[in-house]
Amino acid sequence: MQDVVIIGSGPAGLSAAVYAKRAKMDVMVVEKEPFSGGQIVNSEQVDNYLGINGISGFDIAMKFYEKRNSQNSLPRLLHKSVFYW
C-alpha cells in the first residue's frame, strides 16, 4: 500500500514525488507516456521556469530525471494509462 500516488510525471508530479520521498512516504508515480517530463518536453525553449532560463524542454526534463535518480530511494514509476470516471 502506498502513502501517496501521484498521477503524472511532469514538473509538478516529480516535484511532489521528491518532497514526499523526503518526508519518508512510500510513493508511486503513474505516467501514461513512456518517459517523464510532461508537456514541457515538447517546448523548444523554456524561459519562465523559476531559476532556469533559456533551456529546451527536453533538457529541463532530463534535469528532472537526473534529480529523481539522485534520490537514495526512488519513487516507483509506472507507465500505465490511467482512466477515471
N, C-alpha and C. Protein backbone atom coordinates (compact mmCIF):
# COMPACT_ATOMS: atom_id res chain seq x y z
N MET A 1 0.83 -1.17 0.00
CA MET A 1 0.00 0.00 0.00
C MET A 1 0.89 1.25 0.00
N GLN A 2 0.48 2.25 -0.76
CA GLN A 2 1.24 3.49 -0.91
C GLN A 2 0.71 4.56 0.03
N ASP A 3 1.60 5.43 0.49
CA ASP A 3 1.16 6.61 1.22
C ASP A 3 0.63 7.65 0.24
N VAL A 4 1.28 7.74 -0.92
CA VAL A 4 0.93 8.75 -1.92
C VAL A 4 1.01 8.12 -3.31
N VAL A 5 -0.02 8.37 -4.12
CA VAL A 5 0.01 8.00 -5.54
C VAL A 5 -0.14 9.30 -6.32
N ILE A 6 0.84 9.57 -7.18
CA ILE A 6 0.88 10.81 -7.95
C ILE A 6 0.60 10.46 -9.41
N ILE A 7 -0.35 11.15 -10.00
CA ILE A 7 -0.71 10.93 -11.39
C ILE A 7 0.03 11.95 -12.24
N GLY A 8 0.94 11.48 -13.07
CA GLY A 8 1.70 12.33 -13.97
C GLY A 8 3.11 12.57 -13.47
N SER A 9 4.07 12.53 -14.40
CA SER A 9 5.47 12.75 -14.02
C SER A 9 6.05 13.97 -14.73
N GLY A 10 5.22 15.01 -14.84
CA GLY A 10 5.69 16.30 -15.31
C GLY A 10 6.35 17.03 -14.16
N PRO A 11 6.63 18.33 -14.33
CA PRO A 11 7.30 19.09 -13.28
C PRO A 11 6.59 19.02 -11.92
N ALA A 12 5.28 19.17 -11.90
CA ALA A 12 4.56 19.14 -10.62
C ALA A 12 4.58 17.75 -10.00
N GLY A 13 4.35 16.72 -10.80
CA GLY A 13 4.33 15.36 -10.28
C GLY A 13 5.68 14.93 -9.73
N LEU A 14 6.75 15.22 -10.47
CA LEU A 14 8.08 14.83 -9.99
C LEU A 14 8.48 15.63 -8.76
N SER A 15 8.11 16.91 -8.72
CA SER A 15 8.40 17.71 -7.51
C SER A 15 7.67 17.13 -6.31
N ALA A 16 6.41 16.79 -6.50
CA ALA A 16 5.63 16.20 -5.41
C ALA A 16 6.26 14.89 -4.95
N ALA A 17 6.74 14.09 -5.89
CA ALA A 17 7.36 12.81 -5.55
C ALA A 17 8.64 13.01 -4.75
N VAL A 18 9.46 13.95 -5.15
CA VAL A 18 10.71 14.22 -4.44
C VAL A 18 10.42 14.65 -3.00
N TYR A 19 9.48 15.57 -2.82
CA TYR A 19 9.17 16.05 -1.46
C TYR A 19 8.49 14.97 -0.62
N ALA A 20 7.66 14.15 -1.24
CA ALA A 20 7.03 13.06 -0.49
C ALA A 20 8.07 12.04 -0.04
N LYS A 21 9.05 11.73 -0.91
CA LYS A 21 10.11 10.80 -0.52
C LYS A 21 10.96 11.39 0.60
N ARG A 22 11.21 12.69 0.55
CA ARG A 22 11.97 13.35 1.62
C ARG A 22 11.24 13.24 2.95
N ALA A 23 9.91 13.19 2.88
CA ALA A 23 9.09 13.04 4.08
C ALA A 23 8.93 11.57 4.48
N LYS A 24 9.72 10.71 3.83
CA LYS A 24 9.75 9.26 4.14
C LYS A 24 8.43 8.56 3.83
N MET A 25 7.73 9.03 2.81
CA MET A 25 6.49 8.39 2.38
C MET A 25 6.78 7.36 1.30
N ASP A 26 5.93 6.35 1.21
CA ASP A 26 6.01 5.36 0.15
C ASP A 26 5.23 5.93 -1.03
N VAL A 27 5.93 6.22 -2.13
CA VAL A 27 5.37 6.98 -3.24
C VAL A 27 5.31 6.14 -4.51
N MET A 28 4.21 6.29 -5.24
CA MET A 28 4.10 5.70 -6.58
C MET A 28 3.71 6.83 -7.53
N VAL A 29 4.41 6.92 -8.67
CA VAL A 29 4.08 7.89 -9.71
C VAL A 29 3.57 7.11 -10.91
N VAL A 30 2.40 7.50 -11.41
CA VAL A 30 1.80 6.84 -12.57
C VAL A 30 1.87 7.79 -13.75
N GLU A 31 2.42 7.32 -14.86
CA GLU A 31 2.60 8.14 -16.06
C GLU A 31 2.10 7.37 -17.27
N LYS A 32 1.33 8.04 -18.13
CA LYS A 32 0.79 7.36 -19.31
C LYS A 32 1.80 7.28 -20.46
N GLU A 33 2.79 8.17 -20.47
CA GLU A 33 3.79 8.18 -21.53
C GLU A 33 4.97 7.28 -21.14
N PRO A 34 5.77 6.86 -22.12
CA PRO A 34 6.93 6.01 -21.79
C PRO A 34 8.11 6.80 -21.24
N PHE A 35 7.93 8.11 -20.98
CA PHE A 35 9.00 8.95 -20.48
C PHE A 35 8.41 9.97 -19.50
N SER A 36 9.28 10.52 -18.67
CA SER A 36 8.86 11.55 -17.72
C SER A 36 9.10 12.93 -18.31
N GLY A 37 8.46 13.93 -17.74
CA GLY A 37 8.70 15.31 -18.14
C GLY A 37 7.44 16.07 -18.46
N GLY A 38 6.39 15.38 -18.84
CA GLY A 38 5.13 16.05 -19.16
C GLY A 38 5.21 16.83 -20.46
N GLN A 39 4.34 17.79 -20.59
CA GLN A 39 4.25 18.57 -21.82
C GLN A 39 5.46 19.47 -22.05
N ILE A 40 6.21 19.76 -21.00
CA ILE A 40 7.37 20.63 -21.15
C ILE A 40 8.40 20.03 -22.12
N VAL A 41 8.39 18.73 -22.27
CA VAL A 41 9.33 18.05 -23.19
C VAL A 41 9.18 18.59 -24.61
N ASN A 42 7.98 19.01 -24.97
CA ASN A 42 7.72 19.48 -26.33
C ASN A 42 8.06 20.94 -26.56
N SER A 43 8.51 21.65 -25.54
CA SER A 43 8.82 23.08 -25.67
C SER A 43 10.22 23.26 -26.23
N GLU A 44 10.33 24.13 -27.24
CA GLU A 44 11.65 24.41 -27.82
C GLU A 44 12.54 25.14 -26.83
N GLN A 45 11.97 26.12 -26.12
CA GLN A 45 12.75 26.88 -25.15
C GLN A 45 11.87 27.25 -23.97
N VAL A 46 12.42 27.09 -22.78
CA VAL A 46 11.72 27.45 -21.55
C VAL A 46 12.46 28.62 -20.93
N ASP A 47 11.75 29.75 -20.77
CA ASP A 47 12.36 30.94 -20.18
C ASP A 47 11.69 31.36 -18.89
N ASN A 48 10.63 30.67 -18.47
CA ASN A 48 9.88 31.14 -17.31
C ASN A 48 9.83 30.13 -16.17
N TYR A 49 10.76 29.18 -16.14
CA TYR A 49 10.81 28.24 -15.04
C TYR A 49 11.74 28.83 -13.98
N LEU A 50 11.28 28.91 -12.77
CA LEU A 50 11.99 29.58 -11.68
C LEU A 50 13.45 29.13 -11.58
N GLY A 51 14.34 30.08 -11.78
CA GLY A 51 15.76 29.81 -11.61
C GLY A 51 16.47 29.23 -12.82
N ILE A 52 15.74 28.93 -13.88
CA ILE A 52 16.35 28.34 -15.08
C ILE A 52 15.83 29.11 -16.29
N ASN A 53 16.74 29.68 -17.06
CA ASN A 53 16.36 30.44 -18.25
C ASN A 53 17.04 29.86 -19.49
N GLY A 54 16.36 29.96 -20.63
CA GLY A 54 16.94 29.60 -21.91
C GLY A 54 17.36 28.15 -22.02
N ILE A 55 16.49 27.25 -21.70
CA ILE A 55 16.78 25.82 -21.77
C ILE A 55 15.67 25.16 -22.58
N SER A 56 16.02 24.12 -23.30
CA SER A 56 14.98 23.41 -24.07
C SER A 56 14.12 22.58 -23.12
N GLY A 57 12.91 22.30 -23.55
CA GLY A 57 12.02 21.46 -22.75
C GLY A 57 12.61 20.09 -22.50
N PHE A 58 13.26 19.52 -23.51
CA PHE A 58 13.88 18.20 -23.35
C PHE A 58 14.98 18.26 -22.29
N ASP A 59 15.82 19.30 -22.35
CA ASP A 59 16.92 19.41 -21.39
C ASP A 59 16.42 19.59 -19.96
N ILE A 60 15.37 20.37 -19.78
CA ILE A 60 14.84 20.54 -18.42
C ILE A 60 14.20 19.25 -17.93
N ALA A 61 13.57 18.50 -18.83
CA ALA A 61 13.01 17.20 -18.45
C ALA A 61 14.13 16.25 -18.03
N MET A 62 15.27 16.32 -18.71
CA MET A 62 16.41 15.48 -18.32
C MET A 62 16.94 15.89 -16.95
N LYS A 63 16.90 17.18 -16.62
CA LYS A 63 17.30 17.62 -15.27
C LYS A 63 16.36 17.05 -14.21
N PHE A 64 15.06 17.03 -14.53
CA PHE A 64 14.09 16.42 -13.62
C PHE A 64 14.42 14.94 -13.41
N TYR A 65 14.71 14.25 -14.51
CA TYR A 65 15.04 12.82 -14.48
C TYR A 65 16.29 12.59 -13.63
N GLU A 66 17.32 13.42 -13.84
CA GLU A 66 18.56 13.28 -13.07
C GLU A 66 18.31 13.50 -11.58
N LYS A 67 17.48 14.48 -11.25
CA LYS A 67 17.16 14.75 -9.84
C LYS A 67 16.42 13.56 -9.23
N ARG A 68 15.46 13.03 -9.98
CA ARG A 68 14.72 11.86 -9.49
C ARG A 68 15.68 10.71 -9.23
N ASN A 69 16.62 10.48 -10.13
CA ASN A 69 17.55 9.37 -9.99
C ASN A 69 18.63 9.61 -8.94
N SER A 70 18.80 10.87 -8.49
CA SER A 70 19.80 11.16 -7.48
C SER A 70 19.30 10.86 -6.07
N GLN A 71 18.01 10.61 -5.93
CA GLN A 71 17.45 10.29 -4.62
C GLN A 71 17.87 8.89 -4.21
N ASN A 72 18.09 8.68 -2.92
CA ASN A 72 18.52 7.37 -2.44
C ASN A 72 17.48 6.29 -2.69
N SER A 73 16.23 6.60 -2.45
CA SER A 73 15.17 5.63 -2.68
C SER A 73 14.16 6.25 -3.63
N LEU A 74 14.15 5.77 -4.84
CA LEU A 74 13.32 6.34 -5.88
C LEU A 74 11.85 5.98 -5.70
N PRO A 75 10.96 6.93 -6.01
CA PRO A 75 9.56 6.55 -6.07
C PRO A 75 9.34 5.59 -7.22
N ARG A 76 8.42 4.67 -7.06
CA ARG A 76 8.11 3.76 -8.16
C ARG A 76 7.42 4.54 -9.26
N LEU A 77 7.83 4.30 -10.49
CA LEU A 77 7.25 4.98 -11.64
C LEU A 77 6.61 3.94 -12.54
N LEU A 78 5.30 3.98 -12.65
CA LEU A 78 4.58 3.06 -13.51
C LEU A 78 4.16 3.79 -14.77
N HIS A 79 4.43 3.20 -15.92
CA HIS A 79 3.99 3.76 -17.18
C HIS A 79 2.72 3.03 -17.60
N LYS A 80 1.61 3.61 -17.24
CA LYS A 80 0.30 3.00 -17.50
C LYS A 80 -0.68 4.07 -17.93
N SER A 81 -1.63 3.67 -18.70
CA SER A 81 -2.73 4.58 -18.99
C SER A 81 -3.66 4.62 -17.79
N VAL A 82 -4.09 5.80 -17.45
CA VAL A 82 -4.94 5.99 -16.28
C VAL A 82 -6.28 6.51 -16.77
N PHE A 83 -7.33 5.83 -16.37
CA PHE A 83 -8.67 6.24 -16.73
C PHE A 83 -9.44 6.55 -15.46
N TYR A 84 -10.30 7.53 -15.52
CA TYR A 84 -11.13 7.84 -14.37
C TYR A 84 -12.51 8.26 -14.88
N TRP A 85 -13.48 8.10 -14.01
CA TRP A 85 -14.85 8.46 -14.34
C TRP A 85 -15.39 9.43 -13.34
